[in-house]
Structure formats: structure tokens, C-alpha cells
Amino acid sequence: MKARAAQILFMGHIEMIKDFLFRLLVIVVILGVGALSSWIFYHVKRKELFGGFIGGMVIGVLGALIGAFILDRFLLEPVKRVLQFLVYEMDVNVIAAFIGAFFAVFIMNKLNHDKDRKKY
């Protein structure tokens, strides 16, 4: 009897630990997305950010928090329905086609030495 009670108590603790680790993973991913977006704009695209890299990272983390928690509450279901339609219900995977087209244009731009457009 005592062994069964101890096993139930132990299983409850495992579920609490799993829940805690999942929430910690969510926080780490949000921080990582915010930092990655700041790094891309500051170092890859060479854009000047208010407050430099650290200021951009703070803004990136805030944007990731807004996107992850607030927009997820209101837009998750409609976005899931649209993406499901674009990926599964059409004969063509529109998202994969868009990604391929984006990278093709990106490579063409790099082959053109990333020149600016002429202003008319």
C-alpha cells in the first residue's frame, strides 16, 4: 500500500517536472527567436538599430513575446486553417513554392552583386 502511494506521488512529481521543463523550453525559444532576429538585422542585413545590438535584442524579445503569447491566442486557429489549406488541400504546396521562389530571387540578387535599384 505504501509503495503504491509512493509511486503515485513520484508520478505526480514527474509530471510537474515535465511541465516545468516544457515552460522553460518555451521561454528559451522565445529569447532565442528575439536574439536571432536582432542578430540578423544588425549583423547580416547591416541595419542600424536603436540602442545597437543590445537594444535590438530587447525589442526582438519583446516582439517575440507579443507574437508568442498575444497573437497566438487570437490568430492560431485561422492561421492553422489557412496553412492547412495552402499545404494539404491544394495540389501544390504553396509555402514550399514561396520559399523556393524567395531563395531564387535572393541568389539572383547576390549574383547581381546586391546593386541598388535605379531611382526614377
N, C-alpha and C. Protein backbone atom coordinates (compact mmCIF):
# COMPACT_ATOMS: atom_id res chain seq x y z
N MET A 1 0.81 -1.18 0.00
CA MET A 1 0.00 0.00 0.00
C MET A 1 0.86 1.26 0.00
N LYS A 2 1.89 1.24 0.85
CA LYS A 2 2.77 2.40 0.92
C LYS A 2 3.56 2.56 -0.38
N ALA A 3 3.93 1.44 -0.98
CA ALA A 3 4.69 1.50 -2.23
C ALA A 3 3.82 2.11 -3.34
N ARG A 4 2.55 1.76 -3.37
CA ARG A 4 1.64 2.30 -4.40
C ARG A 4 1.45 3.81 -4.19
N ALA A 5 1.30 4.25 -2.96
CA ALA A 5 1.15 5.67 -2.66
C ALA A 5 2.41 6.43 -3.04
N ALA A 6 3.56 5.85 -2.76
CA ALA A 6 4.83 6.48 -3.13
C ALA A 6 4.97 6.56 -4.64
N GLN A 7 4.52 5.53 -5.35
CA GLN A 7 4.60 5.53 -6.81
C GLN A 7 3.70 6.62 -7.40
N ILE A 8 2.51 6.78 -6.85
CA ILE A 8 1.59 7.82 -7.33
C ILE A 8 2.18 9.19 -7.05
N LEU A 9 2.75 9.38 -5.88
CA LEU A 9 3.38 10.65 -5.53
C LEU A 9 4.55 10.94 -6.46
N PHE A 10 5.35 9.92 -6.74
CA PHE A 10 6.50 10.07 -7.63
C PHE A 10 6.06 10.44 -9.04
N MET A 11 4.99 9.79 -9.53
CA MET A 11 4.49 10.10 -10.87
C MET A 11 3.96 11.53 -10.95
N GLY A 12 3.37 12.03 -9.89
CA GLY A 12 2.92 13.42 -9.86
C GLY A 12 4.08 14.38 -9.96
N HIS A 13 5.19 14.05 -9.30
CA HIS A 13 6.38 14.90 -9.37
C HIS A 13 6.99 14.88 -10.76
N ILE A 14 6.96 13.75 -11.42
CA ILE A 14 7.50 13.66 -12.79
C ILE A 14 6.70 14.55 -13.73
N GLU A 15 5.38 14.55 -13.58
CA GLU A 15 4.54 15.40 -14.42
C GLU A 15 4.82 16.87 -14.16
N MET A 16 5.05 17.24 -12.89
CA MET A 16 5.37 18.63 -12.57
C MET A 16 6.71 19.03 -13.16
N ILE A 17 7.68 18.13 -13.11
CA ILE A 17 9.00 18.41 -13.67
C ILE A 17 8.90 18.55 -15.19
N LYS A 18 8.13 17.67 -15.84
CA LYS A 18 7.94 17.77 -17.30
C LYS A 18 7.29 19.09 -17.68
N ASP A 19 6.28 19.50 -16.92
CA ASP A 19 5.59 20.76 -17.18
C ASP A 19 6.55 21.94 -17.02
N PHE A 20 7.36 21.92 -15.96
CA PHE A 20 8.33 22.99 -15.73
C PHE A 20 9.35 23.05 -16.86
N LEU A 21 9.87 21.90 -17.29
CA LEU A 21 10.87 21.89 -18.35
C LEU A 21 10.28 22.35 -19.69
N PHE A 22 9.01 22.02 -19.94
CA PHE A 22 8.37 22.48 -21.16
C PHE A 22 8.21 24.00 -21.14
N ARG A 23 7.80 24.56 -20.01
CA ARG A 23 7.66 26.02 -19.90
C ARG A 23 9.02 26.71 -20.03
N LEU A 24 10.05 26.11 -19.47
CA LEU A 24 11.41 26.65 -19.59
C LEU A 24 11.86 26.62 -21.05
N LEU A 25 11.54 25.55 -21.75
CA LEU A 25 11.88 25.45 -23.18
C LEU A 25 11.19 26.54 -23.98
N VAL A 26 9.93 26.83 -23.67
CA VAL A 26 9.19 27.88 -24.37
C VAL A 26 9.88 29.23 -24.17
N ILE A 27 10.29 29.51 -22.94
CA ILE A 27 10.97 30.78 -22.66
C ILE A 27 12.30 30.86 -23.40
N VAL A 28 13.06 29.78 -23.42
CA VAL A 28 14.35 29.78 -24.12
C VAL A 28 14.15 29.99 -25.62
N VAL A 29 13.13 29.36 -26.19
CA VAL A 29 12.87 29.52 -27.62
C VAL A 29 12.48 30.96 -27.93
N ILE A 30 11.65 31.58 -27.10
CA ILE A 30 11.24 32.97 -27.33
C ILE A 30 12.45 33.89 -27.25
N LEU A 31 13.30 33.70 -26.24
CA LEU A 31 14.52 34.51 -26.12
C LEU A 31 15.43 34.29 -27.33
N GLY A 32 15.54 33.05 -27.77
CA GLY A 32 16.38 32.75 -28.93
C GLY A 32 15.87 33.39 -30.21
N VAL A 33 14.56 33.36 -30.42
CA VAL A 33 13.97 33.97 -31.62
C VAL A 33 14.20 35.48 -31.60
N GLY A 34 14.01 36.11 -30.45
CA GLY A 34 14.24 37.55 -30.34
C GLY A 34 15.70 37.91 -30.59
N ALA A 35 16.62 37.15 -30.01
CA ALA A 35 18.04 37.41 -30.22
C ALA A 35 18.45 37.14 -31.66
N LEU A 36 17.91 36.09 -32.26
CA LEU A 36 18.23 35.77 -33.65
C LEU A 36 17.75 36.85 -34.60
N SER A 37 16.56 37.38 -34.37
CA SER A 37 16.05 38.43 -35.25
C SER A 37 16.92 39.68 -35.13
N SER A 38 17.35 40.01 -33.92
CA SER A 38 18.24 41.16 -33.74
C SER A 38 19.58 40.92 -34.42
N TRP A 39 20.11 39.73 -34.29
CA TRP A 39 21.40 39.41 -34.90
C TRP A 39 21.32 39.49 -36.43
N ILE A 40 20.21 38.99 -36.99
CA ILE A 40 20.04 39.04 -38.45
C ILE A 40 20.01 40.48 -38.93
N PHE A 41 19.23 41.33 -38.28
CA PHE A 41 19.13 42.71 -38.72
C PHE A 41 20.42 43.48 -38.49
N TYR A 42 21.11 43.22 -37.40
CA TYR A 42 22.30 44.01 -37.06
C TYR A 42 23.54 43.55 -37.81
N HIS A 43 23.76 42.24 -37.87
CA HIS A 43 25.00 41.74 -38.46
C HIS A 43 24.85 41.29 -39.91
N VAL A 44 23.76 40.62 -40.23
CA VAL A 44 23.60 40.10 -41.60
C VAL A 44 23.11 41.20 -42.54
N LYS A 45 22.03 41.87 -42.18
CA LYS A 45 21.49 42.91 -43.06
C LYS A 45 22.17 44.25 -42.85
N ARG A 46 23.01 44.35 -41.82
CA ARG A 46 23.80 45.55 -41.52
C ARG A 46 22.91 46.78 -41.34
N LYS A 47 21.83 46.60 -40.62
CA LYS A 47 20.90 47.69 -40.34
C LYS A 47 21.24 48.30 -38.98
N GLU A 48 21.09 49.60 -38.88
CA GLU A 48 21.33 50.28 -37.62
C GLU A 48 20.08 50.15 -36.76
N LEU A 49 20.25 49.70 -35.54
CA LEU A 49 19.13 49.53 -34.62
C LEU A 49 19.25 50.52 -33.47
N PHE A 50 18.13 50.97 -32.99
CA PHE A 50 18.12 51.90 -31.86
C PHE A 50 18.68 51.16 -30.64
N GLY A 51 19.75 51.68 -30.08
CA GLY A 51 20.37 51.03 -28.94
C GLY A 51 21.40 49.99 -29.34
N GLY A 52 21.73 49.92 -30.62
CA GLY A 52 22.70 48.94 -31.09
C GLY A 52 22.15 47.53 -31.03
N PHE A 53 23.05 46.58 -30.92
CA PHE A 53 22.65 45.17 -30.92
C PHE A 53 21.82 44.84 -29.68
N ILE A 54 22.23 45.34 -28.52
CA ILE A 54 21.50 45.02 -27.28
C ILE A 54 20.09 45.62 -27.31
N GLY A 55 19.95 46.86 -27.79
CA GLY A 55 18.63 47.46 -27.91
C GLY A 55 17.75 46.69 -28.88
N GLY A 56 18.35 46.26 -30.00
CA GLY A 56 17.60 45.46 -30.95
C GLY A 56 17.20 44.12 -30.38
N MET A 57 18.07 43.55 -29.52
CA MET A 57 17.73 42.27 -28.91
C MET A 57 16.56 42.42 -27.93
N VAL A 58 16.54 43.51 -27.19
CA VAL A 58 15.42 43.75 -26.26
C VAL A 58 14.12 43.89 -27.05
N ILE A 59 14.16 44.68 -28.11
CA ILE A 59 12.96 44.85 -28.95
C ILE A 59 12.57 43.53 -29.61
N GLY A 60 13.57 42.76 -30.06
CA GLY A 60 13.27 41.46 -30.66
C GLY A 60 12.61 40.50 -29.69
N VAL A 61 13.09 40.48 -28.44
CA VAL A 61 12.48 39.61 -27.42
C VAL A 61 11.07 40.07 -27.10
N LEU A 62 10.86 41.38 -27.00
CA LEU A 62 9.51 41.88 -26.75
C LEU A 62 8.57 41.52 -27.91
N GLY A 63 9.05 41.66 -29.14
CA GLY A 63 8.24 41.27 -30.28
C GLY A 63 7.94 39.78 -30.29
N ALA A 64 8.92 38.98 -29.92
CA ALA A 64 8.69 37.53 -29.85
C ALA A 64 7.67 37.19 -28.77
N LEU A 65 7.73 37.89 -27.64
CA LEU A 65 6.74 37.66 -26.58
C LEU A 65 5.34 38.04 -27.04
N ILE A 66 5.22 39.19 -27.72
CA ILE A 66 3.92 39.62 -28.23
C ILE A 66 3.39 38.60 -29.23
N GLY A 67 4.27 38.18 -30.15
CA GLY A 67 3.83 37.20 -31.15
C GLY A 67 3.49 35.86 -30.54
N ALA A 68 4.26 35.44 -29.55
CA ALA A 68 4.06 34.10 -29.00
C ALA A 68 2.83 34.01 -28.09
N PHE A 69 2.59 35.02 -27.31
CA PHE A 69 1.51 34.91 -26.33
C PHE A 69 0.23 35.62 -26.73
N ILE A 70 0.32 36.85 -27.22
CA ILE A 70 -0.90 37.60 -27.52
C ILE A 70 -1.48 37.18 -28.86
N LEU A 71 -0.66 37.21 -29.91
CA LEU A 71 -1.18 36.85 -31.23
C LEU A 71 -1.56 35.38 -31.32
N ASP A 72 -0.87 34.53 -30.56
CA ASP A 72 -1.19 33.10 -30.56
C ASP A 72 -2.60 32.86 -30.04
N ARG A 73 -3.03 33.67 -29.10
CA ARG A 73 -4.37 33.50 -28.53
C ARG A 73 -5.47 33.84 -29.54
N PHE A 74 -5.21 34.82 -30.41
CA PHE A 74 -6.25 35.29 -31.32
C PHE A 74 -6.14 34.74 -32.73
N LEU A 75 -4.93 34.43 -33.18
CA LEU A 75 -4.74 34.09 -34.59
C LEU A 75 -4.35 32.65 -34.86
N LEU A 76 -4.20 31.83 -33.84
CA LEU A 76 -3.70 30.47 -34.06
C LEU A 76 -4.63 29.65 -34.95
N GLU A 77 -5.90 29.60 -34.62
CA GLU A 77 -6.83 28.77 -35.39
C GLU A 77 -6.99 29.25 -36.84
N PRO A 78 -7.22 30.56 -37.10
CA PRO A 78 -7.33 30.99 -38.50
C PRO A 78 -6.04 30.73 -39.30
N VAL A 79 -4.90 30.96 -38.68
CA VAL A 79 -3.64 30.73 -39.39
C VAL A 79 -3.46 29.24 -39.66
N LYS A 80 -3.83 28.39 -38.70
CA LYS A 80 -3.72 26.95 -38.93
C LYS A 80 -4.62 26.50 -40.08
N ARG A 81 -5.83 27.07 -40.16
CA ARG A 81 -6.73 26.70 -41.25
C ARG A 81 -6.18 27.14 -42.60
N VAL A 82 -5.63 28.36 -42.67
CA VAL A 82 -5.07 28.86 -43.93
C VAL A 82 -3.86 28.02 -44.34
N LEU A 83 -2.96 27.75 -43.40
CA LEU A 83 -1.78 26.95 -43.73
C LEU A 83 -2.16 25.54 -44.12
N GLN A 84 -3.14 24.96 -43.46
CA GLN A 84 -3.59 23.62 -43.82
C GLN A 84 -4.15 23.62 -45.24
N PHE A 85 -4.89 24.66 -45.60
CA PHE A 85 -5.42 24.76 -46.95
C PHE A 85 -4.28 24.89 -47.96
N LEU A 86 -3.30 25.77 -47.65
CA LEU A 86 -2.21 26.01 -48.59
C LEU A 86 -1.29 24.80 -48.76
N VAL A 87 -1.13 24.00 -47.72
CA VAL A 87 -0.19 22.89 -47.79
C VAL A 87 -0.87 21.59 -48.20
N TYR A 88 -2.03 21.27 -47.61
CA TYR A 88 -2.60 19.94 -47.80
C TYR A 88 -3.77 19.88 -48.78
N GLU A 89 -4.60 20.90 -48.83
CA GLU A 89 -5.81 20.81 -49.62
C GLU A 89 -5.64 21.27 -51.06
N MET A 90 -4.53 21.90 -51.38
CA MET A 90 -4.24 22.25 -52.77
C MET A 90 -3.31 21.18 -53.34
N ASP A 91 -3.26 21.11 -54.64
CA ASP A 91 -2.37 20.13 -55.26
C ASP A 91 -0.92 20.57 -55.20
N VAL A 92 -0.68 21.84 -54.93
CA VAL A 92 0.67 22.38 -54.88
C VAL A 92 0.92 22.92 -53.48
N ASN A 93 2.10 22.64 -52.95
CA ASN A 93 2.47 23.18 -51.65
C ASN A 93 2.91 24.62 -51.87
N VAL A 94 2.01 25.57 -51.61
CA VAL A 94 2.25 26.98 -51.88
C VAL A 94 3.38 27.52 -51.01
N ILE A 95 3.47 27.07 -49.78
CA ILE A 95 4.52 27.57 -48.89
C ILE A 95 5.89 27.14 -49.40
N ALA A 96 6.04 25.90 -49.80
CA ALA A 96 7.32 25.44 -50.33
C ALA A 96 7.66 26.18 -51.62
N ALA A 97 6.65 26.46 -52.45
CA ALA A 97 6.89 27.21 -53.68
C ALA A 97 7.35 28.63 -53.36
N PHE A 98 6.73 29.26 -52.36
CA PHE A 98 7.14 30.61 -51.97
C PHE A 98 8.57 30.63 -51.45
N ILE A 99 8.92 29.67 -50.63
CA ILE A 99 10.28 29.61 -50.09
C ILE A 99 11.28 29.41 -51.21
N GLY A 100 10.98 28.53 -52.15
CA GLY A 100 11.87 28.32 -53.29
C GLY A 100 12.02 29.56 -54.13
N ALA A 101 10.91 30.26 -54.38
CA ALA A 101 10.97 31.49 -55.17
C ALA A 101 11.76 32.57 -54.44
N PHE A 102 11.58 32.68 -53.14
CA PHE A 102 12.32 33.67 -52.37
C PHE A 102 13.83 33.42 -52.46
N PHE A 103 14.24 32.18 -52.28
CA PHE A 103 15.67 31.89 -52.34
C PHE A 103 16.23 32.06 -53.75
N ALA A 104 15.43 31.78 -54.78
CA ALA A 104 15.90 32.01 -56.14
C ALA A 104 16.14 33.49 -56.40
N VAL A 105 15.21 34.33 -55.95
CA VAL A 105 15.38 35.78 -56.12
C VAL A 105 16.55 36.27 -55.27
N PHE A 106 16.72 35.73 -54.10
CA PHE A 106 17.82 36.11 -53.22
C PHE A 106 19.16 35.78 -53.88
N ILE A 107 19.26 34.60 -54.46
CA ILE A 107 20.51 34.20 -55.14
C ILE A 107 20.75 35.08 -56.35
N MET A 108 19.69 35.38 -57.12
CA MET A 108 19.84 36.26 -58.28
C MET A 108 20.33 37.64 -57.84
N ASN A 109 19.83 38.13 -56.73
CA ASN A 109 20.26 39.41 -56.21
C ASN A 109 21.73 39.37 -55.82
N LYS A 110 22.16 38.30 -55.23
CA LYS A 110 23.57 38.17 -54.84
C LYS A 110 24.47 38.04 -56.08
N LEU A 111 24.01 37.35 -57.10
CA LEU A 111 24.79 37.25 -58.34
C LEU A 111 24.89 38.59 -59.04
N ASN A 112 23.92 39.46 -58.80
CA ASN A 112 23.92 40.79 -59.37
C ASN A 112 24.71 41.76 -58.49
N HIS A 113 25.46 41.24 -57.54
CA HIS A 113 26.32 42.00 -56.62
C HIS A 113 25.53 42.93 -55.73
N ASP A 114 24.29 42.56 -55.44
CA ASP A 114 23.46 43.29 -54.48
C ASP A 114 23.39 44.78 -54.81
N LYS A 115 23.22 45.10 -56.08
CA LYS A 115 23.16 46.51 -56.50
C LYS A 115 21.84 47.12 -56.11
N ASP A 116 21.87 48.41 -55.84
CA ASP A 116 20.64 49.14 -55.53
C ASP A 116 19.89 49.41 -56.82
N ARG A 117 18.57 49.58 -56.69
CA ARG A 117 17.76 49.91 -57.86
C ARG A 117 18.00 51.34 -58.26
N LYS A 118 17.82 51.61 -59.54
CA LYS A 118 17.92 52.97 -60.03
C LYS A 118 16.70 53.75 -59.60
N LYS A 119 16.90 54.98 -59.21
CA LYS A 119 15.77 55.82 -58.81
C LYS A 119 15.32 56.63 -60.03
N TYR A 120 14.02 56.55 -60.32
CA TYR A 120 13.49 57.26 -61.48
C TYR A 120 12.82 58.52 -61.07
